[in-house]
C-alpha cells in the first residue's frame, strides 16, 4: 500500500468528521428554533425515501415487480402493521405475483 492509500483514508476521515464537528462546536449550549428542529427531524426519512424510490424501478427487469412491491408495502404499513409484518406481507405478495406472472 502506497502513501496515496493512507492519504485517501485520512482525507475521508476529515471529510466525515468536519460536518459533525462544526455543528457540535458552534451550536453547543444553544437551542435551535422549533422550525429548524422539525426540518432536521425529517431529514432521515427524506433521505431514506430518496435512496429507496429509484431502486423500486430497477429491482428486476419487470418494472411492475418493484411497483407492486412498493405499493403493497405502503398499503400494509398504512394499516399500522409493524415492520416485520410489512416485510413478510410484501414478500408473500411478491411471491404470489412472481409465481403467476414471473
Protein backbone atom coordinates (compact mmCIF):
# COMPACT_ATOMS: atom_id res chain seq x y z
CA UNK A 1 0.00 0.00 0.00
CA UNK A 2 1.39 3.30 -1.05
CA UNK A 3 1.27 6.64 0.67
CA UNK A 4 -1.71 7.62 -1.51
CA UNK A 5 -3.78 4.96 0.29
CA UNK A 6 -3.14 6.46 3.72
CA UNK A 7 -3.74 9.98 2.42
CA UNK A 8 -7.04 8.78 0.97
CA UNK A 9 -8.05 7.27 4.33
CA UNK A 10 -7.03 10.45 6.13
CA UNK A 11 -8.96 12.62 3.65
CA UNK A 12 -12.12 10.54 4.01
CA UNK A 13 -11.83 10.73 7.79
CA UNK A 14 -11.52 14.52 7.71
CA UNK A 15 -14.41 14.92 5.28
CA UNK A 16 -16.58 12.72 7.50
CA UNK A 17 -15.53 14.45 10.72
CA UNK A 18 -16.00 18.08 9.66
CA UNK A 19 -19.81 18.04 9.12
CA UNK A 20 -20.19 16.52 12.57
CA UNK A 21 -17.72 18.72 14.42
CA UNK A 22 -18.89 22.08 13.08
CA UNK A 23 -22.45 21.95 14.47
CA UNK A 24 -21.21 20.42 17.71
CA UNK A 25 -18.67 23.21 18.14
CA UNK A 26 -20.72 26.22 17.13
CA UNK A 27 -24.14 25.18 18.45
CA UNK A 28 -23.04 23.99 21.88
CA UNK A 29 -25.36 25.33 24.56
CA UNK A 30 -27.80 26.86 22.06
CA UNK A 31 -31.25 25.65 21.22
CA UNK A 32 -32.39 25.74 17.62
CA UNK A 33 -35.75 27.23 16.69
CA UNK A 34 -38.65 24.79 16.60
CA UNK A 35 -39.00 25.09 12.81
CA UNK A 36 -35.35 24.10 12.28
CA UNK A 37 -35.70 21.18 14.71
CA UNK A 38 -38.75 19.94 12.78
CA UNK A 39 -36.85 20.07 9.48
CA UNK A 40 -33.84 18.26 10.95
CA UNK A 41 -36.07 15.55 12.42
CA UNK A 42 -37.46 14.75 8.97
CA UNK A 43 -34.17 14.58 7.09
CA UNK A 44 -33.54 10.84 7.74
CA UNK A 45 -36.95 9.94 6.31
CA UNK A 46 -36.43 12.13 3.26
CA UNK A 47 -33.00 10.64 2.58
CA UNK A 48 -34.30 7.10 3.03
CA UNK A 49 -37.11 7.78 0.58
CA UNK A 50 -34.69 9.30 -1.93
CA UNK A 51 -32.49 6.21 -1.70
CA UNK A 52 -35.29 3.66 -1.94
CA UNK A 53 -37.54 5.23 -4.59
CA UNK A 54 -35.19 4.82 -7.60
CA UNK A 55 -34.48 1.22 -6.59
CA UNK A 56 -38.18 0.41 -6.92
CA UNK A 57 -37.92 0.74 -10.70
CA UNK A 58 -34.64 -1.16 -11.08
CA UNK A 59 -35.25 -4.12 -8.75
CA UNK A 60 -35.78 -6.52 -11.67
CA UNK A 61 -36.25 -6.37 -15.40
CA UNK A 62 -40.00 -6.28 -14.78
CA UNK A 63 -40.78 -2.78 -13.50
CA UNK A 64 -44.15 -3.92 -12.17
CA UNK A 65 -42.40 -6.16 -9.66
CA UNK A 66 -40.96 -3.13 -7.89
CA UNK A 67 -44.12 -1.05 -8.23
CA UNK A 68 -46.33 -3.79 -6.80
CA UNK A 69 -43.83 -4.41 -4.01
CA UNK A 70 -43.67 -0.74 -3.05
CA UNK A 71 -47.45 -0.32 -3.24
CA UNK A 72 -48.10 -3.40 -1.14
CA UNK A 73 -45.50 -2.37 1.44
CA UNK A 74 -47.05 1.09 1.65
CA UNK A 75 -50.57 -0.33 1.96
CA UNK A 76 -49.59 -2.80 4.69
CA UNK A 77 -47.64 -0.15 6.59
CA UNK A 78 -50.55 2.29 6.28
CA UNK A 79 -52.75 -0.15 8.21
CA UNK A 80 -50.42 0.23 11.19
CA UNK A 81 -48.63 -3.12 10.97
CA UNK A 82 -45.16 -3.38 12.43
CA UNK A 83 -42.08 -3.60 10.22
CA UNK A 84 -41.80 -7.40 10.31
CA UNK A 85 -45.38 -7.81 9.11
CA UNK A 86 -44.80 -5.26 6.35
CA UNK A 87 -41.71 -7.13 5.13
CA UNK A 88 -43.32 -10.58 5.37
CA UNK A 89 -46.54 -9.40 3.74
CA UNK A 90 -44.68 -7.79 0.87
CA UNK A 91 -42.58 -10.92 0.38
CA UNK A 92 -45.75 -13.02 0.28
CA UNK A 93 -47.46 -10.73 -2.23
CA UNK A 94 -44.41 -10.63 -4.49
CA UNK A 95 -44.01 -14.40 -4.25
CA UNK A 96 -47.56 -14.90 -5.49
CA UNK A 97 -47.02 -12.29 -8.22
CA UNK A 98 -43.77 -13.99 -9.24
CA UNK A 99 -45.46 -17.37 -9.46
CA UNK A 100 -48.31 -16.12 -11.63
CA UNK A 101 -46.60 -13.53 -13.81
CA UNK A 102 -42.85 -14.18 -13.34
